[in-house]
Structures are given as structure tokens and as C-alpha cells.
C-alpha atoms as a PDB file:
ATOM      1  CA  MET A   1       7.340  -1.460 -10.813  1.00  0.00           C
ATOM      2  CA  VAL A   2       9.460   1.135  -9.738  1.00  0.00           C
ATOM      3  CA  HIS A   3       8.083   3.990  -8.496  1.00  0.00           C
ATOM      4  CA  THR A   4      10.136   7.268  -8.146  1.00  0.00           C
ATOM      5  CA  PRO A   5      10.754   8.484  -4.216  1.00  0.00           C
ATOM      6  CA  SER A   6      10.613  11.614  -4.461  1.00  0.00           C
ATOM      7  CA  LEU A   7       6.772  11.343  -4.958  1.00  0.00           C
ATOM      8  CA  TRP A   8       6.353  10.081  -1.183  1.00  0.00           C
ATOM      9  CA  PRO A   9       5.152  12.170   1.654  1.00  0.00           C
ATOM     10  CA  GLY A  10       7.967  12.260   4.516  1.00  0.00           C
ATOM     11  CA  TRP A  11       5.789  10.369   6.562  1.00  0.00           C
ATOM     12  CA  LEU A  12       5.563   6.702   4.282  1.00  0.00           C
ATOM     13  CA  ASP A  13       8.667   6.045   2.603  1.00  0.00           C
ATOM     14  CA  ASP A  14       9.561   2.998   0.238  1.00  0.00           C
ATOM     15  CA  ASP A  15       9.638   0.220   2.176  1.00  0.00           C
ATOM     16  CA  ALA A  16       6.022   0.580   4.031  1.00  0.00           C
ATOM     17  CA  ILE A  17       5.077   0.419  -0.246  1.00  0.00           C
ATOM     18  CA  ASN A  18       6.934  -2.337  -1.295  1.00  0.00           C
ATOM     19  CA  THR A  19       6.587  -4.262   1.939  1.00  0.00           C
ATOM     20  CA  ILE A  20       2.598  -4.157   0.351  1.00  0.00           C
ATOM     21  CA  ASP A  21       3.480  -4.937  -2.668  1.00  0.00           C
ATOM     22  CA  LYS A  22       5.765  -7.512  -2.103  1.00  0.00           C
ATOM     23  CA  ALA A  23       2.713  -9.098  -0.091  1.00  0.00           C
ATOM     24  CA  ARG A  24       0.923  -8.856  -2.621  1.00  0.00           C
ATOM     25  CA  HIS A  25       2.335 -10.471  -5.077  1.00  0.00           C
ATOM     26  CA  ALA A  26       2.613 -13.620  -2.900  1.00  0.00           C
ATOM     27  CA  ALA A  27      -0.439 -13.429  -2.199  1.00  0.00           C
ATOM     28  CA  GLY A  28      -1.418 -13.800  -6.166  1.00  0.00           C
ATOM     29  CA  LEU A  29      -3.122 -10.860  -6.167  1.00  0.00           C
ATOM     30  CA  THR A  30      -4.366  -8.157  -8.760  1.00  0.00           C
ATOM     31  CA  HIS A  31      -3.303  -4.487  -8.030  1.00  0.00           C
ATOM     32  CA  TYR A  32      -7.836  -5.242  -9.152  1.00  0.00           C
ATOM     33  CA  GLN A  33      -7.871  -7.752  -6.943  1.00  0.00           C
ATOM     34  CA  LEU A  34      -6.315  -5.574  -3.760  1.00  0.00           C
ATOM     35  CA  ALA A  35      -9.040  -2.891  -4.021  1.00  0.00           C
ATOM     36  CA  ASP A  36     -11.638  -5.499  -4.609  1.00  0.00           C
ATOM     37  CA  LYS A  37     -10.325  -6.880  -0.760  1.00  0.00           C
ATOM     38  CA  ALA A  38      -9.325  -3.117   0.841  1.00  0.00           C
ATOM     39  CA  GLY A  39     -12.814  -1.213  -0.568  1.00  0.00           C
ATOM     40  CA  LEU A  40     -10.161   0.554  -2.985  1.00  0.00           C
ATOM     41  CA  GLY A  41     -10.959   1.887  -6.222  1.00  0.00           C
ATOM     42  CA  TYR A  42      -8.658   0.446  -8.589  1.00  0.00           C
ATOM     43  CA  GLY A  43      -6.845   3.793  -9.230  1.00  0.00           C
ATOM     44  CA  THR A  44      -6.880   4.239  -6.329  1.00  0.00           C
ATOM     45  CA  VAL A  45      -4.784   1.449  -5.373  1.00  0.00           C
ATOM     46  CA  ALA A  46      -2.166   1.207  -8.659  1.00  0.00           C
ATOM     47  CA  GLY A  47      -1.661   4.598  -8.400  1.00  0.00           C
ATOM     48  CA  ILE A  48      -0.280   4.658  -4.614  1.00  0.00           C
ATOM     49  CA  LEU A  49       2.132   1.159  -5.517  1.00  0.00           C
ATOM     50  CA  THR A  50       3.144   2.493  -8.776  1.00  0.00           C
ATOM     51  CA  GLY A  51       4.084   6.154  -6.766  1.00  0.00           C
ATOM     52  CA  ARG A  52       1.577   8.675  -8.629  1.00  0.00           C
ATOM     53  CA  GLN A  53      -0.971   9.213  -5.378  1.00  0.00           C
ATOM     54  CA  HIS A  54       0.692   9.283  -2.331  1.00  0.00           C
ATOM     55  CA  PRO A  55      -1.366   7.200   0.315  1.00  0.00           C
ATOM     56  CA  THR A  56      -3.420   8.137   3.198  1.00  0.00           C
ATOM     57  CA  LEU A  57      -3.318   6.894   6.336  1.00  0.00           C
ATOM     58  CA  GLU A  58      -6.195   4.969   5.834  1.00  0.00           C
ATOM     59  CA  GLN A  59      -5.509   4.068   2.716  1.00  0.00           C
ATOM     60  CA  VAL A  60      -2.387   2.538   4.095  1.00  0.00           C
ATOM     61  CA  ARG A  61      -4.054   0.534   7.083  1.00  0.00           C
ATOM     62  CA  ARG A  62      -6.798  -0.961   4.998  1.00  0.00           C
ATOM     63  CA  LEU A  63      -4.110  -2.285   2.127  1.00  0.00           C
ATOM     64  CA  CYS A  64      -2.553  -3.530   5.093  1.00  0.00           C
ATOM     65  CA  THR A  65      -5.849  -4.652   6.563  1.00  0.00           C
ATOM     66  CA  ALA A  66      -6.671  -7.006   3.181  1.00  0.00           C
ATOM     67  CA  LEU A  67      -3.400  -8.932   3.000  1.00  0.00           C
ATOM     68  CA  GLY A  68      -3.191  -9.703   6.160  1.00  0.00           C
ATOM     69  CA  ILE A  69      -0.224  -8.370   7.853  1.00  0.00           C
ATOM     70  CA  ASP A  70       1.733  -5.701   9.640  1.00  0.00           C
ATOM     71  CA  VAL A  71       1.902  -2.612   9.345  1.00  0.00           C
ATOM     72  CA  PRO A  72       5.619  -2.048   8.615  1.00  0.00           C
ATOM     73  CA  ALA A  73       6.901  -1.438  12.086  1.00  0.00           C
ATOM     74  CA  ARG A  74       7.479   1.932  11.759  1.00  0.00           C
ATOM     75  CA  TYR A  75       4.121   2.898  11.593  1.00  0.00           C
ATOM     76  CA  SER A  76       2.817   1.185  14.623  1.00  0.00           C
ATOM     77  CA  TRP A  77       1.305   4.507  15.232  1.00  0.00           C
ATOM     78  CA  ILE A  78      -1.158   3.643  12.373  1.00  0.00           C
ATOM     79  CA  ARG A  79      -3.976   0.646  13.194  1.00  0.00           C
ATOM     80  CA  THR A  80      -5.046  -1.793  11.739  1.00  0.00           C
END
């Protein structure tokens, strides 16, 4: 699902969310499964990945950790 770019806060761009969503697809995980692995609610994960919710730094860190990916390079100041 494509999200509306204007909904994202300035510190996190569409590429970062797309990277997370591509990793989710590559891992064969549903939003529910990713939410469970990341310790987040389904609504939170679905909202972030569809552009309905702005993620916090902690949520981005948890998603990347759950997927076994590094935070995109330009956000390397977010520690995983």
C-alpha cells in the first residue's frame, strides 16, 4: 500500500518507511506478525506502514530490529 508523503514528519522520509515495508515483505511477515516481533500493536504497525500514523524513534528502532535490518544510513543516529 502506498502512503501519502505529506503525512510524514520531516525527520523520516518515505524511503525509510518503504525500506521497512520491503523488508517485511521479503521476510514474508504480515502486519500482525511484524507487530508481534517488534512488541508493537497491530494498529500501530499498520498505521505507520500505511501512512496513517507518525512513528516515534523507538518504533522505527523496534521495527528495524525485529526485521534484522539496519536503520537506513541517513538515520544512523537511531541506535538499533
